[in-house]
PDB file of N, CA and C in Angstrom:
ATOM      1  N   MET A   1      -3.457  -0.105  15.737  1.00  0.00           N
ATOM      2  CA  MET A   1      -3.524   1.058  16.311  1.00  0.00           C
ATOM      3  C   MET A   1      -4.930   1.707  15.919  1.00  0.00           C
ATOM      4  N   SER A   2      -5.726   2.289  16.728  1.00  0.00           N
ATOM      5  CA  SER A   2      -7.005   2.895  16.197  1.00  0.00           C
ATOM      6  C   SER A   2      -6.871   4.235  15.984  1.00  0.00           C
ATOM      7  N   ASP A   3      -7.865   4.816  15.280  1.00  0.00           N
ATOM      8  CA  ASP A   3      -7.979   6.182  14.973  1.00  0.00           C
ATOM      9  C   ASP A   3      -8.060   7.041  16.165  1.00  0.00           C
ATOM     10  N   PRO A   4      -7.328   7.906  16.542  1.00  0.00           N
ATOM     11  CA  PRO A   4      -7.355   8.740  17.775  1.00  0.00           C
ATOM     12  C   PRO A   4      -8.667   9.477  17.992  1.00  0.00           C
ATOM     13  N   GLU A   5      -9.333   9.834  16.762  1.00  0.00           N
ATOM     14  CA  GLU A   5     -10.538  10.701  16.979  1.00  0.00           C
ATOM     15  C   GLU A   5     -11.745   9.790  17.438  1.00  0.00           C
ATOM     16  N   ILE A   6     -11.712   8.579  17.118  1.00  0.00           N
ATOM     17  CA  ILE A   6     -12.903   7.610  17.613  1.00  0.00           C
ATOM     18  C   ILE A   6     -12.516   7.004  18.907  1.00  0.00           C
ATOM     19  N   ILE A   7     -13.338   7.377  19.853  1.00  0.00           N
ATOM     20  CA  ILE A   7     -13.182   6.990  21.167  1.00  0.00           C
ATOM     21  C   ILE A   7     -14.288   6.175  21.645  1.00  0.00           C
ATOM     22  N   TYR A   8     -13.981   4.851  22.221  1.00  0.00           N
ATOM     23  CA  TYR A   8     -14.970   4.024  22.636  1.00  0.00           C
ATOM     24  C   TYR A   8     -14.786   3.864  24.129  1.00  0.00           C
ATOM     25  N   THR A   9     -15.482   4.603  24.922  1.00  0.00           N
ATOM     26  CA  THR A   9     -15.282   4.365  26.406  1.00  0.00           C
ATOM     27  C   THR A   9     -16.486   3.683  27.024  1.00  0.00           C
ATOM     28  N   ASN A  10     -16.197   2.587  27.726  1.00  0.00           N
ATOM     29  CA  ASN A  10     -17.124   1.845  28.404  1.00  0.00           C
ATOM     30  C   ASN A  10     -18.102   1.240  27.375  1.00  0.00           C
ATOM     31  N   LYS A  11     -17.739   1.006  26.267  1.00  0.00           N
ATOM     32  CA  LYS A  11     -18.635   0.342  25.252  1.00  0.00           C
ATOM     33  C   LYS A  11     -17.707  -0.472  24.277  1.00  0.00           C
ATOM     34  N   THR A  12     -18.410  -1.511  23.867  1.00  0.00           N
ATOM     35  CA  THR A  12     -17.763  -2.347  22.904  1.00  0.00           C
ATOM     36  C   THR A  12     -17.904  -1.707  21.539  1.00  0.00           C
ATOM     37  N   LYS A  13     -17.185  -2.238  20.589  1.00  0.00           N
ATOM     38  CA  LYS A  13     -17.207  -1.584  19.235  1.00  0.00           C
ATOM     39  C   LYS A  13     -18.556  -1.770  18.656  1.00  0.00           C
ATOM     40  N   GLN A  14     -19.189  -2.953  18.925  1.00  0.00           N
ATOM     41  CA  GLN A  14     -20.597  -3.156  18.395  1.00  0.00           C
ATOM     42  C   GLN A  14     -21.568  -2.192  18.980  1.00  0.00           C
ATOM     43  N   GLU A  15     -21.535  -1.956  20.233  1.00  0.00           N
ATOM     44  CA  GLU A  15     -22.422  -0.985  20.794  1.00  0.00           C
ATOM     45  C   GLU A  15     -22.259   0.408  20.171  1.00  0.00           C
ATOM     46  N   SER A  16     -21.002   0.855  19.999  1.00  0.00           N
ATOM     47  CA  SER A  16     -20.808   2.175  19.343  1.00  0.00           C
ATOM     48  C   SER A  16     -21.220   2.237  17.948  1.00  0.00           C
ATOM     49  N   THR A  17     -21.202   1.092  17.232  1.00  0.00           N
ATOM     50  CA  THR A  17     -21.703   1.097  15.920  1.00  0.00           C
ATOM     51  C   THR A  17     -23.229   1.279  15.764  1.00  0.00           C
ATOM     52  N   VAL A  18     -23.818   0.751  16.849  1.00  0.00           N
ATOM     53  CA  VAL A  18     -25.388   0.941  16.887  1.00  0.00           C
ATOM     54  C   VAL A  18     -25.636   2.424  17.140  1.00  0.00           C
ATOM     55  N   ASP A  19     -24.910   2.989  18.155  1.00  0.00           N
ATOM     56  CA  ASP A  19     -24.987   4.355  18.409  1.00  0.00           C
ATOM     57  C   ASP A  19     -24.709   5.229  17.207  1.00  0.00           C
ATOM     58  N   LEU A  20     -23.672   4.801  16.432  1.00  0.00           N
ATOM     59  CA  LEU A  20     -23.481   5.623  15.292  1.00  0.00           C
ATOM     60  C   LEU A  20     -24.570   5.636  14.317  1.00  0.00           C
ATOM     61  N   LYS A  21     -25.138   4.524  14.185  1.00  0.00           N
ATOM     62  CA  LYS A  21     -26.390   4.291  13.190  1.00  0.00           C
ATOM     63  C   LYS A  21     -27.510   5.203  13.708  1.00  0.00           C
ATOM     64  N   VAL A  22     -27.674   5.124  14.938  1.00  0.00           N
ATOM     65  CA  VAL A  22     -28.787   6.014  15.485  1.00  0.00           C
ATOM     66  C   VAL A  22     -28.560   7.442  15.271  1.00  0.00           C
ATOM     67  N   THR A  23     -27.413   7.873  15.348  1.00  0.00           N
ATOM     68  CA  THR A  23     -27.019   9.259  15.130  1.00  0.00           C
ATOM     69  C   THR A  23     -27.278   9.615  13.740  1.00  0.00           C
ATOM     70  N   HIS A  24     -26.899   8.775  12.765  1.00  0.00           N
ATOM     71  CA  HIS A  24     -27.232   8.869  11.356  1.00  0.00           C
ATOM     72  C   HIS A  24     -28.694   8.930  11.201  1.00  0.00           C
ATOM     73  N   VAL A  25     -29.472   8.162  11.773  1.00  0.00           N
ATOM     74  CA  VAL A  25     -30.952   8.193  11.646  1.00  0.00           C
ATOM     75  C   VAL A  25     -31.518   9.525  12.095  1.00  0.00           C
ATOM     76  N   VAL A  26     -31.040   9.943  13.239  1.00  0.00           N
ATOM     77  CA  VAL A  26     -31.460  11.271  13.782  1.00  0.00           C
ATOM     78  C   VAL A  26     -31.211  12.411  12.706  1.00  0.00           C
ATOM     79  N   TYR A  27     -30.060  12.416  12.196  1.00  0.00           N
ATOM     80  CA  TYR A  27     -29.696  13.495  11.076  1.00  0.00           C
ATOM     81  C   TYR A  27     -30.672  13.274   9.905  1.00  0.00           C
ATOM     82  N   GLY A  28     -30.944  12.085   9.560  1.00  0.00           N
ATOM     83  CA  GLY A  28     -31.940  11.754   8.455  1.00  0.00           C
ATOM     84  C   GLY A  28     -33.275  12.324   8.783  1.00  0.00           C
ATOM     85  N   LEU A  29     -33.814  12.110  10.035  1.00  0.00           N
ATOM     86  CA  LEU A  29     -35.137  12.606  10.410  1.00  0.00           C
ATOM     87  C   LEU A  29     -35.162  14.036  10.552  1.00  0.00           C
ATOM     88  N   GLN A  30     -34.065  14.659  10.904  1.00  0.00           N
ATOM     89  CA  GLN A  30     -33.922  16.062  11.012  1.00  0.00           C
ATOM     90  C   GLN A  30     -33.990  16.617   9.459  1.00  0.00           C
ATOM     91  N   LEU A  31     -33.450  15.963   8.543  1.00  0.00           N
ATOM     92  CA  LEU A  31     -33.505  16.522   7.178  1.00  0.00           C
ATOM     93  C   LEU A  31     -34.881  16.329   6.668  1.00  0.00           C
ATOM     94  N   VAL A  32     -35.597  15.194   7.053  1.00  0.00           N
ATOM     95  CA  VAL A  32     -36.928  15.086   6.629  1.00  0.00           C
ATOM     96  C   VAL A  32     -37.854  16.112   7.375  1.00  0.00           C
ATOM     97  N   GLY A  33     -37.421  16.412   8.572  1.00  0.00           N
ATOM     98  CA  GLY A  33     -38.234  17.450   9.436  1.00  0.00           C
ATOM     99  C   GLY A  33     -38.080  18.834   8.798  1.00  0.00           C
ATOM    100  N   LEU A  34     -37.141  19.117   7.983  1.00  0.00           N
ATOM    101  CA  LEU A  34     -37.144  20.388   7.241  1.00  0.00           C
ATOM    102  C   LEU A  34     -38.377  20.540   6.236  1.00  0.00           C
ATOM    103  N   PHE A  35     -38.901  19.301   5.854  1.00  0.00           N
ATOM    104  CA  PHE A  35     -40.124  19.425   4.979  1.00  0.00           C
ATOM    105  C   PHE A  35     -41.363  19.133   5.604  1.00  0.00           C
ATOM    106  N   THR A  36     -41.292  18.262   6.661  1.00  0.00           N
ATOM    107  CA  THR A  36     -42.450  17.752   7.469  1.00  0.00           C
ATOM    108  C   THR A  36     -42.124  17.811   8.896  1.00  0.00           C
ATOM    109  N   PHE A  37     -42.606  18.509   9.568  1.00  0.00           N
ATOM    110  CA  PHE A  37     -42.214  18.766  11.043  1.00  0.00           C
ATOM    111  C   PHE A  37     -42.040  17.313  11.803  1.00  0.00           C
ATOM    112  N   VAL A  38     -42.767  16.317  11.471  1.00  0.00           N
ATOM    113  CA  VAL A  38     -42.895  15.087  12.106  1.00  0.00           C
ATOM    114  C   VAL A  38     -41.459  14.496  12.232  1.00  0.00           C
ATOM    115  N   GLY A  39     -40.578  14.688  11.205  1.00  0.00           N
ATOM    116  CA  GLY A  39     -39.314  14.080  11.280  1.00  0.00           C
ATOM    117  C   GLY A  39     -38.578  14.629  12.526  1.00  0.00           C
ATOM    118  N   PHE A  40     -38.651  16.072  12.730  1.00  0.00           N
ATOM    119  CA  PHE A  40     -38.021  16.659  13.775  1.00  0.00           C
ATOM    120  C   PHE A  40     -38.417  16.043  15.109  1.00  0.00           C
ATOM    121  N   ILE A  41     -39.807  15.750  15.200  1.00  0.00           N
ATOM    122  CA  ILE A  41     -40.291  15.277  16.489  1.00  0.00           C
ATOM    123  C   ILE A  41     -39.785  13.884  16.758  1.00  0.00           C
ATOM    124  N   PHE A  42     -39.767  12.996  15.758  1.00  0.00           N
ATOM    125  CA  PHE A  42     -39.266  11.672  15.963  1.00  0.00           C
ATOM    126  C   PHE A  42     -37.803  11.655  16.302  1.00  0.00           C
ATOM    127  N   GLY A  43     -37.089  12.614  15.565  1.00  0.00           N
ATOM    128  CA  GLY A  43     -35.678  12.751  15.788  1.00  0.00           C
ATOM    129  C   GLY A  43     -35.352  13.134  17.292  1.00  0.00           C
ATOM    130  N   ILE A  44     -36.073  14.123  17.853  1.00  0.00           N
ATOM    131  CA  ILE A  44     -35.771  14.586  19.121  1.00  0.00           C
ATOM    132  C   ILE A  44     -36.226  13.541  20.208  1.00  0.00           C
ATOM    133  N   ILE A  45     -37.330  12.808  19.918  1.00  0.00           N
ATOM    134  CA  ILE A  45     -37.683  11.719  20.808  1.00  0.00           C
ATOM    135  C   ILE A  45     -36.556  10.637  20.793  1.00  0.00           C
ATOM    136  N   LEU A  46     -36.008  10.309  19.722  1.00  0.00           N
ATOM    137  CA  LEU A  46     -35.017   9.301  19.644  1.00  0.00           C
ATOM    138  C   LEU A  46     -33.721   9.870  20.379  1.00  0.00           C
ATOM    139  N   ASN A  47     -33.359  11.247  20.203  1.00  0.00           N
ATOM    140  CA  ASN A  47     -32.232  11.713  20.890  1.00  0.00           C
ATOM    141  C   ASN A  47     -32.314  11.631  22.372  1.00  0.00           C
ATOM    142  N   TYR A  48     -33.550  11.890  23.000  1.00  0.00           N
ATOM    143  CA  TYR A  48     -33.650  11.846  24.385  1.00  0.00           C
ATOM    144  C   TYR A  48     -33.738  10.365  24.850  1.00  0.00           C
ATOM    145  N   ILE A  49     -34.141   9.484  24.115  1.00  0.00           N
ATOM    146  CA  ILE A  49     -34.106   7.999  24.450  1.00  0.00           C
ATOM    147  C   ILE A  49     -32.751   7.533  24.513  1.00  0.00           C
ATOM    148  N   LYS A  50     -31.926   7.835  23.537  1.00  0.00           N
ATOM    149  CA  LYS A  50     -30.642   7.364  23.419  1.00  0.00           C
ATOM    150  C   LYS A  50     -29.400   8.164  23.994  1.00  0.00           C
ATOM    151  N   VAL A  51     -29.819   9.289  24.560  1.00  0.00           N
ATOM    152  CA  VAL A  51     -28.707  10.226  24.905  1.00  0.00           C
ATOM    153  C   VAL A  51     -27.746   9.523  26.134  1.00  0.00           C
ATOM    154  N   SER A  52     -28.316   8.771  26.915  1.00  0.00           N
ATOM    155  CA  SER A  52     -27.653   8.196  27.951  1.00  0.00           C
ATOM    156  C   SER A  52     -26.683   6.994  27.436  1.00  0.00           C
ATOM    157  N   ASP A  53     -26.971   6.477  26.285  1.00  0.00           N
ATOM    158  CA  ASP A  53     -26.181   5.505  25.672  1.00  0.00           C
ATOM    159  C   ASP A  53     -24.755   6.036  25.025  1.00  0.00           C
ATOM    160  N   VAL A  54     -24.848   7.422  24.743  1.00  0.00           N
ATOM    161  CA  VAL A  54     -23.649   8.000  24.109  1.00  0.00           C
ATOM    162  C   VAL A  54     -22.848   8.829  25.082  1.00  0.00           C
ATOM    163  N   ARG A  55     -23.344   9.011  26.311  1.00  0.00           N
ATOM    164  CA  ARG A  55     -22.566   9.765  27.254  1.00  0.00           C
ATOM    165  C   ARG A  55     -21.119   9.304  27.441  1.00  0.00           C
ATOM    166  N   GLY A  56     -20.239  10.243  27.349  1.00  0.00           N
ATOM    167  CA  GLY A  56     -18.784   9.929  27.490  1.00  0.00           C
ATOM    168  C   GLY A  56     -18.114   9.496  26.194  1.00  0.00           C
ATOM    169  N   THR A  57     -18.950   9.459  25.057  1.00  0.00           N
ATOM    170  CA  THR A  57     -18.281   9.129  23.737  1.00  0.00           C
ATOM    171  C   THR A  57     -18.376  10.471  22.890  1.00  0.00           C
ATOM    172  N   TRP A  58     -17.631  10.277  21.785  1.00  0.00           N
ATOM    173  CA  TRP A  58     -17.537  11.341  20.825  1.00  0.00           C
ATOM    174  C   TRP A  58     -18.895  11.705  20.193  1.00  0.00           C
ATOM    175  N   LEU A  59     -19.849  10.665  20.337  1.00  0.00           N
ATOM    176  CA  LEU A  59     -21.194  10.900  19.739  1.00  0.00           C
ATOM    177  C   LEU A  59     -22.037  11.764  20.544  1.00  0.00           C
ATOM    178  N   GLU A  60     -21.711  12.067  21.764  1.00  0.00           N
ATOM    179  CA  GLU A  60     -22.430  12.958  22.760  1.00  0.00           C
ATOM    180  C   GLU A  60     -22.412  14.339  22.118  1.00  0.00           C
ATOM    181  N   SER A  61     -21.393  14.756  21.528  1.00  0.00           N
ATOM    182  CA  SER A  61     -21.441  16.080  20.884  1.00  0.00           C
ATOM    183  C   SER A  61     -22.447  16.259  19.855  1.00  0.00           C
ATOM    184  N   HIS A  62     -22.542  15.082  19.053  1.00  0.00           N
ATOM    185  CA  HIS A  62     -23.563  15.195  18.034  1.00  0.00           C
ATOM    186  C   HIS A  62     -24.982  15.204  18.571  1.00  0.00           C
ATOM    187  N   PHE A  63     -25.236  14.481  19.669  1.00  0.00           N
ATOM    188  CA  PHE A  63     -26.638  14.523  20.232  1.00  0.00           C
ATOM    189  C   PHE A  63     -26.802  15.912  20.778  1.00  0.00           C
ATOM    190  N   ARG A  64     -25.871  16.512  21.423  1.00  0.00           N
ATOM    191  CA  ARG A  64     -26.094  17.844  21.856  1.00  0.00           C
ATOM    192  C   ARG A  64     -26.435  18.871  20.735  1.00  0.00           C
ATOM    193  N   TRP A  65     -25.678  18.612  19.694  1.00  0.00           N
ATOM    194  CA  TRP A  65     -25.808  19.375  18.386  1.00  0.00           C
ATOM    195  C   TRP A  65     -27.286  19.310  17.871  1.00  0.00           C
ATOM    196  N   GLN A  66     -27.678  18.116  17.761  1.00  0.00           N
ATOM    197  CA  GLN A  66     -29.014  17.737  17.329  1.00  0.00           C
ATOM    198  C   GLN A  66     -30.113  18.362  18.246  1.00  0.00           C
ATOM    199  N   ILE A  67     -30.023  18.110  19.529  1.00  0.00           N
ATOM    200  CA  ILE A  67     -30.916  18.696  20.433  1.00  0.00           C
ATOM    201  C   ILE A  67     -31.024  20.238  20.345  1.00  0.00           C
ATOM    202  N   ARG A  68     -29.870  20.789  20.361  1.00  0.00           N
ATOM    203  CA  ARG A  68     -29.868  22.197  20.192  1.00  0.00           C
ATOM    204  C   ARG A  68     -30.513  22.796  18.908  1.00  0.00           C
ATOM    205  N   THR A  69     -30.196  22.143  17.935  1.00  0.00           N
ATOM    206  CA  THR A  69     -30.880  22.360  16.623  1.00  0.00           C
ATOM    207  C   THR A  69     -32.324  22.404  16.672  1.00  0.00           C
ATOM    208  N   PHE A  70     -32.856  21.427  17.262  1.00  0.00           N
ATOM    209  CA  PHE A  70     -34.225  21.321  17.300  1.00  0.00           C
ATOM    210  C   PHE A  70     -34.790  22.342  18.177  1.00  0.00           C
ATOM    211  N   TRP A  71     -34.348  22.614  19.472  1.00  0.00           N
ATOM    212  CA  TRP A  71     -34.891  23.505  20.431  1.00  0.00           C
ATOM    213  C   TRP A  71     -34.760  24.900  19.915  1.00  0.00           C
ATOM    214  N   PHE A  72     -33.555  25.314  19.347  1.00  0.00           N
ATOM    215  CA  PHE A  72     -33.358  26.762  18.824  1.00  0.00           C
ATOM    216  C   PHE A  72     -34.258  26.923  17.611  1.00  0.00           C
ATOM    217  N   GLY A  73     -34.303  25.742  16.781  1.00  0.00           N
ATOM    218  CA  GLY A  73     -35.132  25.960  15.680  1.00  0.00           C
ATOM    219  C   GLY A  73     -36.634  26.243  16.011  1.00  0.00           C
ATOM    220  N   ILE A  74     -37.136  25.587  17.030  1.00  0.00           N
ATOM    221  CA  ILE A  74     -38.483  25.775  17.589  1.00  0.00           C
ATOM    222  C   ILE A  74     -38.639  27.208  17.985  1.00  0.00           C
ATOM    223  N   LEU A  75     -37.724  27.638  18.811  1.00  0.00           N
ATOM    224  CA  LEU A  75     -37.717  28.984  19.545  1.00  0.00           C
ATOM    225  C   LEU A  75     -37.724  30.059  18.327  1.00  0.00           C
ATOM    226  N   TRP A  76     -36.871  30.061  17.328  1.00  0.00           N
ATOM    227  CA  TRP A  76     -36.835  31.012  16.328  1.00  0.00           C
ATOM    228  C   TRP A  76     -38.100  30.842  15.390  1.00  0.00           C
ATOM    229  N   SER A  77     -38.568  29.738  15.172  1.00  0.00           N
ATOM    230  CA  SER A  77     -39.856  29.449  14.423  1.00  0.00           C
ATOM    231  C   SER A  77     -40.947  30.135  15.135  1.00  0.00           C
ATOM    232  N   ILE A  78     -41.118  30.043  16.439  1.00  0.00           N
ATOM    233  CA  ILE A  78     -42.102  30.670  17.154  1.00  0.00           C
ATOM    234  C   ILE A  78     -42.105  32.142  17.085  1.00  0.00           C
ATOM    235  N   ILE A  79     -40.836  32.640  17.435  1.00  0.00           N
ATOM    236  CA  ILE A  79     -40.617  34.124  17.295  1.00  0.00           C
ATOM    237  C   ILE A  79     -41.009  34.712  15.970  1.00  0.00           C
ATOM    238  N   GLY A  80     -40.513  33.990  14.933  1.00  0.00           N
ATOM    239  CA  GLY A  80     -40.762  34.465  13.438  1.00  0.00           C
ATOM    240  C   GLY A  80     -42.324  34.440  13.248  1.00  0.00           C
ATOM    241  N   GLY A  81     -42.881  33.347  13.617  1.00  0.00           N
ATOM    242  CA  GLY A  81     -44.357  33.168  13.495  1.00  0.00           C
ATOM    243  C   GLY A  81     -45.154  34.239  14.066  1.00  0.00           C
ATOM    244  N   LEU A  82     -44.619  34.572  15.294  1.00  0.00           N
ATOM    245  CA  LEU A  82     -45.389  35.675  16.041  1.00  0.00           C
ATOM    246  C   LEU A  82     -45.189  37.074  15.413  1.00  0.00           C
ATOM    247  N   LEU A  83     -44.014  37.271  14.746  1.00  0.00           N
ATOM    248  CA  LEU A  83     -43.863  38.527  14.135  1.00  0.00           C
ATOM    249  C   LEU A  83     -44.142  38.574  12.734  1.00  0.00           C
ATOM    250  N   VAL A  84     -44.750  37.471  12.080  1.00  0.00           N
ATOM    251  CA  VAL A  84     -45.158  37.553  10.766  1.00  0.00           C
ATOM    252  C   VAL A  84     -46.075  38.820  10.452  1.00  0.00           C
ATOM    253  N   MET A  85     -46.959  39.182  11.287  1.00  0.00           N
ATOM    254  CA  MET A  85     -47.813  40.256  11.195  1.00  0.00           C
ATOM    255  C   MET A  85     -47.136  41.565  10.835  1.00  0.00           C
ATOM    256  N   PHE A  86     -45.775  41.666  11.414  1.00  0.00           N
ATOM    257  CA  PHE A  86     -44.979  42.822  11.257  1.00  0.00           C
ATOM    258  C   PHE A  86     -44.039  42.599  10.214  1.00  0.00           C
ATOM    259  N   LEU A  87     -44.132  41.668   9.325  1.00  0.00           N
ATOM    260  CA  LEU A  87     -43.382  41.304   8.068  1.00  0.00           C
ATOM    261  C   LEU A  87     -41.857  40.902   8.384  1.00  0.00           C
ATOM    262  N   VAL A  88     -41.362  41.294   9.592  1.00  0.00           N
ATOM    263  CA  VAL A  88     -39.850  40.901   9.943  1.00  0.00           C
ATOM    264  C   VAL A  88     -39.914  39.395  10.287  1.00  0.00           C
ATOM    265  N   GLY A  89     -41.137  38.891  10.597  1.00  0.00           N
ATOM    266  CA  GLY A  89     -41.279  37.559  11.006  1.00  0.00           C
ATOM    267  C   GLY A  89     -40.910  36.548   9.662  1.00  0.00           C
ATOM    268  N   TYR A  90     -41.241  37.032   8.508  1.00  0.00           N
ATOM    269  CA  TYR A  90     -40.821  36.331   7.429  1.00  0.00           C
ATOM    270  C   TYR A  90     -39.313  36.022   7.344  1.00  0.00           C
ATOM    271  N   ALA A  91     -38.511  37.194   7.423  1.00  0.00           N
ATOM    272  CA  ALA A  91     -37.150  37.223   7.467  1.00  0.00           C
ATOM    273  C   ALA A  91     -36.596  36.178   8.552  1.00  0.00           C
ATOM    274  N   ILE A  92     -37.080  36.386   9.725  1.00  0.00           N
ATOM    275  CA  ILE A  92     -36.730  35.409  10.789  1.00  0.00           C
ATOM    276  C   ILE A  92     -37.013  34.020  10.495  1.00  0.00           C
ATOM    277  N   LEU A  93     -38.110  33.615   9.873  1.00  0.00           N
ATOM    278  CA  LEU A  93     -38.451  32.296   9.532  1.00  0.00           C
ATOM    279  C   LEU A  93     -37.560  31.755   8.459  1.00  0.00           C
ATOM    280  N   CYS A  94     -37.200  32.599   7.376  1.00  0.00           N
ATOM    281  CA  CYS A  94     -36.298  32.181   6.470  1.00  0.00           C
ATOM    282  C   CYS A  94     -34.850  31.996   6.919  1.00  0.00           C
ATOM    283  N   ILE A  95     -34.390  32.850   7.715  1.00  0.00           N
ATOM    284  CA  ILE A  95     -33.049  32.686   8.292  1.00  0.00           C
ATOM    285  C   ILE A  95     -33.050  31.593   9.250  1.00  0.00           C
ATOM    286  N   SER A  96     -34.022  31.230  10.009  1.00  0.00           N
ATOM    287  CA  SER A  96     -34.042  30.079  10.871  1.00  0.00           C
ATOM    288  C   SER A  96     -33.942  28.804  10.075  1.00  0.00           C
ATOM    289  N   TYR A  97     -34.737  28.779   9.040  1.00  0.00           N
ATOM    290  CA  TYR A  97     -34.762  27.607   8.161  1.00  0.00           C
ATOM    291  C   TYR A  97     -33.421  27.299   7.587  1.00  0.00           C
ATOM    292  N   ILE A  98     -32.773  28.389   7.032  1.00  0.00           N
ATOM    293  CA  ILE A  98     -31.394  28.076   6.432  1.00  0.00           C
ATOM    294  C   ILE A  98     -30.512  27.719   7.448  1.00  0.00           C
ATOM    295  N   TRP A  99     -30.556  28.238   8.756  1.00  0.00           N
ATOM    296  CA  TRP A  99     -29.860  27.986   9.813  1.00  0.00           C
ATOM    297  C   TRP A  99     -29.882  26.483  10.144  1.00  0.00           C
ATOM    298  N   MET A 100     -31.214  25.963  10.118  1.00  0.00           N
ATOM    299  CA  MET A 100     -31.375  24.567  10.427  1.00  0.00           C
ATOM    300  C   MET A 100     -30.748  23.591   9.332  1.00  0.00           C
ATOM    301  N   ILE A 101     -30.982  24.070   8.118  1.00  0.00           N
ATOM    302  CA  ILE A 101     -30.302  23.285   7.010  1.00  0.00           C
ATOM    303  C   ILE A 101     -28.752  23.312   7.208  1.00  0.00           C
ATOM    304  N   TYR A 102     -28.175  24.405   7.468  1.00  0.00           N
ATOM    305  CA  TYR A 102     -26.780  24.425   7.814  1.00  0.00           C
ATOM    306  C   TYR A 102     -26.382  23.392   8.940  1.00  0.00           C
ATOM    307  N   ARG A 103     -27.089  23.454  10.028  1.00  0.00           N
ATOM    308  CA  ARG A 103     -26.679  22.609  11.203  1.00  0.00           C
ATOM    309  C   ARG A 103     -26.876  21.164  10.868  1.00  0.00           C
ATOM    310  N   VAL A 104     -27.927  20.773  10.135  1.00  0.00           N
ATOM    311  CA  VAL A 104     -28.014  19.443   9.828  1.00  0.00           C
ATOM    312  C   VAL A 104     -26.929  18.863   8.858  1.00  0.00           C
ATOM    313  N   ILE A 105     -26.683  19.626   7.839  1.00  0.00           N
ATOM    314  CA  ILE A 105     -25.573  19.299   6.956  1.00  0.00           C
ATOM    315  C   ILE A 105     -24.254  19.204   7.544  1.00  0.00           C
ATOM    316  N   LYS A 106     -23.979  20.302   8.354  1.00  0.00           N
ATOM    317  CA  LYS A 106     -22.564  20.286   8.999  1.00  0.00           C
ATOM    318  C   LYS A 106     -22.472  19.140  10.065  1.00  0.00           C
ATOM    319  N   GLY A 107     -23.537  18.917  10.816  1.00  0.00           N
ATOM    320  CA  GLY A 107     -23.430  17.884  11.714  1.00  0.00           C
ATOM    321  C   GLY A 107     -23.217  16.567  11.233  1.00  0.00           C
ATOM    322  N   TRP A 108     -23.936  16.211   9.963  1.00  0.00           N
ATOM    323  CA  TRP A 108     -23.891  14.928   9.351  1.00  0.00           C
ATOM    324  C   TRP A 108     -22.521  14.800   8.699  1.00  0.00           C
ATOM    325  N   MET A 109     -22.025  15.829   8.183  1.00  0.00           N
ATOM    326  CA  MET A 109     -20.586  15.815   7.534  1.00  0.00           C
ATOM    327  C   MET A 109     -19.580  15.462   8.587  1.00  0.00           C
ATOM    328  N   TYR A 110     -19.671  16.047   9.774  1.00  0.00           N
ATOM    329  CA  TYR A 110     -18.792  15.813  10.895  1.00  0.00           C
ATOM    330  C   TYR A 110     -18.871  14.325  11.245  1.00  0.00           C
ATOM    331  N   LEU A 111     -20.116  13.819  11.341  1.00  0.00           N
ATOM    332  CA  LEU A 111     -20.414  12.514  11.710  1.00  0.00           C
ATOM    333  C   LEU A 111     -19.845  11.491  10.788  1.00  0.00           C
ATOM    334  N   ILE A 112     -19.863  11.783   9.470  1.00  0.00           N
ATOM    335  CA  ILE A 112     -19.347  10.908   8.481  1.00  0.00           C
ATOM    336  C   ILE A 112     -17.866  10.824   8.577  1.00  0.00           C
ATOM    337  N   ASP A 113     -17.198  11.987   8.988  1.00  0.00           N
ATOM    338  CA  ASP A 113     -15.860  12.019   9.189  1.00  0.00           C
ATOM    339  C   ASP A 113     -15.348  11.489  10.571  1.00  0.00           C
ATOM    340  N   HIS A 114     -16.407  10.936  11.345  1.00  0.00           N
ATOM    341  CA  HIS A 114     -16.077  10.526  12.858  1.00  0.00           C
ATOM    342  C   HIS A 114     -15.383  11.644  13.604  1.00  0.00           C
ATOM    343  N   ARG A 115     -15.876  12.765  13.514  1.00  0.00           N
ATOM    344  CA  ARG A 115     -15.365  13.975  14.275  1.00  0.00           C
ATOM    345  C   ARG A 115     -16.432  14.484  15.183  1.00  0.00           C
ATOM    346  N   GLU A 116     -15.947  14.916  16.394  1.00  0.00           N
ATOM    347  CA  GLU A 116     -16.843  15.660  17.406  1.00  0.00           C
ATOM    348  C   GLU A 116     -17.304  16.946  16.765  1.00  0.00           C
ATOM    349  N   ILE A 117     -18.312  17.475  17.167  1.00  0.00           N
ATOM    350  CA  ILE A 117     -18.813  18.764  16.716  1.00  0.00           C
ATOM    351  C   ILE A 117     -19.182  19.775  17.853  1.00  0.00           C
ATOM    352  N   TYR A 118     -18.899  20.989  17.709  1.00  0.00           N
ATOM    353  CA  TYR A 118     -19.149  21.901  18.840  1.00  0.00           C
ATOM    354  C   TYR A 118     -19.780  23.171  18.242  1.00  0.00           C
TER     355      TYR A 118
END
């Protein structure tokens, strides 16, 4: 009997293992991206290349989570950057950075536990 939280739909276990590794790699790239933006760029490119491979599986929720982390992180960073001259931008940048750290850690922890994330 298999674990009910791990769902392999229209995929072999081998293919899902590869998708799981890709999802781990993207979280790793996002973690690197917190220090050098290049990691986030490579991570989002990998997300969009592989998203069709995980459709209908429990990993799709992680891809959505990673993509949203990237785009909302960009949005809040731009807003914070534009408002730096009014000093409130520094607070927005700090909060958005902490939020991105939270999202990467929470997502990766759920992935390690083989749980969907919302």
